[in-house]
Amino acid sequence: MEALINSTVMVTLAEIGDKTQLLSLVLATKFRNKIGIVLGILAATLLNHAVSAWMGTWLSQYMESNLSHWILAGSFIVLGLWLLIPDKDEDVSSKYDRYGAFAVSCVLFFIAEIGDKTQIATILLGAQYSSVFWVTMGTTLGMLLANVPVVYLGQHLMKIIPLNTVRILGAVAFIIAGVFHLMKYNLV
């Protein structure tokens, strides 16, 4: 249960202000089929994050325990610092419109997640918890918690929630997770 909860919280926070959240906003303005957008996000995230969680779990088996804890803690701290750097809005070309909300959302989300903060967080969480299923469920839930409101409420939310405040809170959460990991394994 810890893997599910922590994965959900960490990815929700990492996703705030991320390029895929901006992509959600763009898709919501381009397509009327909001359910198609959400299902596309769900499909892309499940596939991408299942592979990422598996990769993290697999990698953790082949590293010396002490080294893996240092790498994991350091990576959480670096990821927290990375969250402080705002993502840029990327243009979604209208040439994809003919494929529909689901297909466009699925393909663009899958591609946007490659090498993204939330994918790296998923790999790290997979390494930490060695649970592909619960990490994938948690990170996918986190992606949905961060993106579904944007699909439906988009620009109204941007006026209410100060993006920089949420970004800073997410960064602090990752840095704290890294420090706690160091403390948990008596590395500091």
Protein backbone atom coordinates (compact mmCIF):
# COMPACT_ATOMS: atom_id res chain seq x y z
CA MET A 1 0.00 0.00 0.00
CA GLU A 2 2.95 2.31 0.71
CA ALA A 3 4.12 1.93 -2.90
CA LEU A 4 0.68 2.89 -4.23
CA ILE A 5 0.25 5.94 -1.98
CA ASN A 6 3.78 7.29 -2.37
CA SER A 7 3.78 6.71 -6.13
CA THR A 8 0.47 8.53 -6.47
CA VAL A 9 1.57 11.52 -4.39
CA MET A 10 5.03 11.84 -5.95
CA VAL A 11 3.83 11.67 -9.55
CA THR A 12 0.87 13.98 -8.93
CA LEU A 13 3.26 16.59 -7.55
CA ALA A 14 5.86 16.00 -10.29
CA GLU A 15 3.20 16.39 -12.97
CA ILE A 16 2.06 19.88 -11.90
CA GLY A 17 3.27 22.30 -14.55
CA ASP A 18 4.90 19.49 -16.54
CA LYS A 19 4.79 19.47 -20.34
CA THR A 20 2.24 16.66 -20.35
CA GLN A 21 -0.07 18.75 -18.19
CA LEU A 22 0.31 21.56 -20.70
CA LEU A 23 -0.37 18.98 -23.41
CA SER A 24 -3.63 18.09 -21.60
CA LEU A 25 -4.66 21.73 -21.74
CA VAL A 26 -3.87 21.98 -25.47
CA LEU A 27 -5.74 18.74 -26.25
CA ALA A 28 -8.74 19.92 -24.24
CA THR A 29 -8.94 23.05 -26.38
CA LYS A 30 -8.60 21.06 -29.63
CA PHE A 31 -11.01 18.18 -28.97
CA ARG A 32 -14.56 18.13 -27.63
CA ASN A 33 -14.30 14.43 -26.71
CA LYS A 34 -12.91 14.81 -23.18
CA ILE A 35 -13.43 11.11 -22.38
CA GLY A 36 -11.32 10.22 -25.44
CA ILE A 37 -8.53 12.47 -24.16
CA VAL A 38 -8.67 10.94 -20.66
CA LEU A 39 -8.71 7.37 -22.03
CA GLY A 40 -5.75 8.22 -24.27
CA ILE A 41 -3.84 9.56 -21.25
CA LEU A 42 -4.74 6.42 -19.30
CA ALA A 43 -3.61 4.00 -22.03
CA ALA A 44 -0.34 5.83 -22.71
CA THR A 45 0.48 6.16 -19.02
CA LEU A 46 -0.29 2.53 -18.18
CA LEU A 47 2.01 1.30 -20.93
CA ASN A 48 4.82 3.80 -20.35
CA HIS A 49 4.79 3.53 -16.57
CA ALA A 50 4.49 -0.27 -16.49
CA VAL A 51 7.67 -0.51 -18.57
CA SER A 52 9.33 2.16 -16.39
CA ALA A 53 8.37 0.51 -13.09
CA TRP A 54 9.57 -2.84 -14.43
CA MET A 55 12.86 -1.24 -15.48
CA GLY A 56 13.35 0.26 -12.00
CA THR A 57 12.55 -3.06 -10.32
CA TRP A 58 14.90 -4.92 -12.66
CA LEU A 59 17.75 -2.42 -12.20
CA SER A 60 17.48 -2.57 -8.41
CA GLN A 61 18.22 -6.31 -8.51
CA TYR A 62 21.59 -5.80 -10.18
CA MET A 63 23.04 -3.02 -8.06
CA GLU A 64 24.83 -3.35 -4.77
CA SER A 65 22.38 -2.40 -2.00
CA ASN A 66 24.36 0.51 -0.54
CA LEU A 67 25.10 1.97 -3.99
CA SER A 68 21.46 1.65 -5.07
CA HIS A 69 20.32 3.55 -1.96
CA TRP A 70 22.76 6.39 -2.64
CA ILE A 71 21.69 6.56 -6.30
CA LEU A 72 18.01 6.42 -5.39
CA ALA A 73 18.25 9.13 -2.72
CA GLY A 74 20.41 11.35 -4.92
CA SER A 75 18.06 10.90 -7.85
CA PHE A 76 15.04 11.94 -5.77
CA ILE A 77 16.90 15.09 -4.67
CA VAL A 78 18.00 15.90 -8.24
CA LEU A 79 14.46 15.27 -9.50
CA GLY A 80 13.17 17.68 -6.83
CA LEU A 81 15.58 20.36 -8.06
CA TRP A 82 14.57 19.61 -11.67
CA LEU A 83 10.93 20.29 -10.77
CA LEU A 84 11.87 23.90 -10.08
CA ILE A 85 12.63 24.39 -13.78
CA PRO A 86 9.37 25.17 -15.65
CA ASP A 87 8.56 23.18 -18.78
CA LYS A 88 7.86 24.93 -22.05
CA ASP A 89 4.55 24.62 -23.86
CA GLU A 90 4.90 22.47 -26.96
CA ASP A 91 2.78 23.00 -30.06
CA VAL A 92 0.38 20.22 -30.99
CA SER A 93 -0.03 20.36 -34.73
CA SER A 94 -3.52 20.26 -36.21
CA LYS A 95 -2.34 17.60 -38.70
CA TYR A 96 -3.12 15.00 -36.02
CA ASP A 97 -6.71 16.15 -35.49
CA ARG A 98 -8.14 13.66 -37.99
CA TYR A 99 -7.10 10.70 -35.81
CA GLY A 100 -9.42 11.66 -32.97
CA ALA A 101 -9.00 12.54 -29.33
CA PHE A 102 -8.11 9.05 -28.06
CA ALA A 103 -5.43 8.20 -30.64
CA VAL A 104 -3.83 11.64 -30.61
CA SER A 105 -3.82 11.83 -26.80
CA CYS A 106 -2.44 8.32 -26.46
CA VAL A 107 0.40 8.75 -28.96
CA LEU A 108 1.37 12.27 -27.89
CA PHE A 109 1.28 11.40 -24.17
CA PHE A 110 3.35 8.27 -24.67
CA ILE A 111 5.98 10.20 -26.63
CA ALA A 112 5.94 13.17 -24.22
CA GLU A 113 6.53 10.85 -21.26
CA ILE A 114 9.74 9.38 -22.69
CA GLY A 115 12.57 10.77 -20.56
CA ASP A 116 10.16 13.01 -18.67
CA LYS A 117 10.30 13.72 -14.93
CA THR A 118 7.37 11.43 -14.19
CA GLN A 119 8.89 8.56 -16.17
CA ILE A 120 12.17 8.94 -14.29
CA ALA A 121 10.23 9.15 -11.01
CA THR A 122 8.43 5.91 -11.97
CA ILE A 123 11.75 4.15 -12.62
CA LEU A 124 13.02 5.37 -9.23
CA LEU A 125 9.84 4.30 -7.45
CA GLY A 126 10.03 0.89 -9.15
CA ALA A 127 13.59 0.54 -7.85
CA GLN A 128 12.57 1.66 -4.37
CA TYR A 129 9.51 -0.56 -3.93
CA SER A 130 10.25 -3.48 -6.30
CA SER A 131 6.56 -3.63 -7.15
CA VAL A 132 5.72 -3.12 -10.81
CA PHE A 133 1.96 -3.42 -10.24
CA TRP A 134 1.56 -1.01 -7.30
CA VAL A 135 4.02 1.54 -8.64
CA THR A 136 2.32 1.49 -12.06
CA MET A 137 -1.11 1.87 -10.46
CA GLY A 138 0.10 4.69 -8.22
CA THR A 139 1.94 6.63 -10.90
CA THR A 140 -0.95 6.21 -13.34
CA LEU A 141 -3.40 7.43 -10.69
CA GLY A 142 -1.06 10.37 -10.05
CA MET A 143 -1.01 11.24 -13.75
CA LEU A 144 -4.80 11.11 -13.88
CA LEU A 145 -5.19 13.20 -10.71
CA ALA A 146 -2.96 15.89 -12.23
CA ASN A 147 -4.29 15.79 -15.81
CA VAL A 148 -8.01 14.98 -15.72
CA PRO A 149 -8.94 18.23 -13.93
CA VAL A 150 -6.92 20.12 -16.56
CA VAL A 151 -8.82 18.36 -19.36
CA TYR A 152 -12.19 19.34 -17.86
CA LEU A 153 -11.46 22.60 -16.03
CA GLY A 154 -8.24 23.71 -17.73
CA GLN A 155 -7.97 27.43 -17.84
CA HIS A 156 -10.19 28.01 -14.78
CA LEU A 157 -7.75 26.03 -12.61
CA MET A 158 -4.75 27.94 -13.94
CA LYS A 159 -6.26 31.16 -12.53
CA ILE A 160 -6.98 29.67 -9.07
CA ILE A 161 -3.86 27.60 -8.35
CA PRO A 162 -0.51 29.41 -8.38
CA LEU A 163 1.64 27.13 -10.50
CA ASN A 164 4.94 28.18 -8.93
CA THR A 165 3.69 27.38 -5.43
CA VAL A 166 2.61 23.89 -6.47
CA ARG A 167 5.88 23.35 -8.35
CA ILE A 168 7.88 24.33 -5.24
CA LEU A 169 5.81 22.00 -3.04
CA GLY A 170 6.47 19.14 -5.47
CA ALA A 171 10.20 19.90 -5.46
CA VAL A 172 10.27 19.95 -1.65
CA ALA A 173 8.41 16.60 -1.52
CA PHE A 174 11.00 14.92 -3.76
CA ILE A 175 13.94 16.43 -1.87
CA ILE A 176 12.44 15.31 1.45
CA ALA A 177 11.90 11.81 0.00
CA GLY A 178 15.58 11.70 -0.95
CA VAL A 179 16.72 12.87 2.49
CA PHE A 180 14.40 10.41 4.25
CA HIS A 181 15.75 7.61 2.08
CA LEU A 182 19.30 8.55 3.14
CA MET A 183 18.22 8.58 6.79
CA LYS A 184 16.23 5.33 6.52
CA TYR A 185 19.32 3.44 5.40
CA ASN A 186 21.72 5.30 7.75
CA LEU A 187 23.63 6.90 4.90
CA VAL A 188 23.86 10.31 6.60
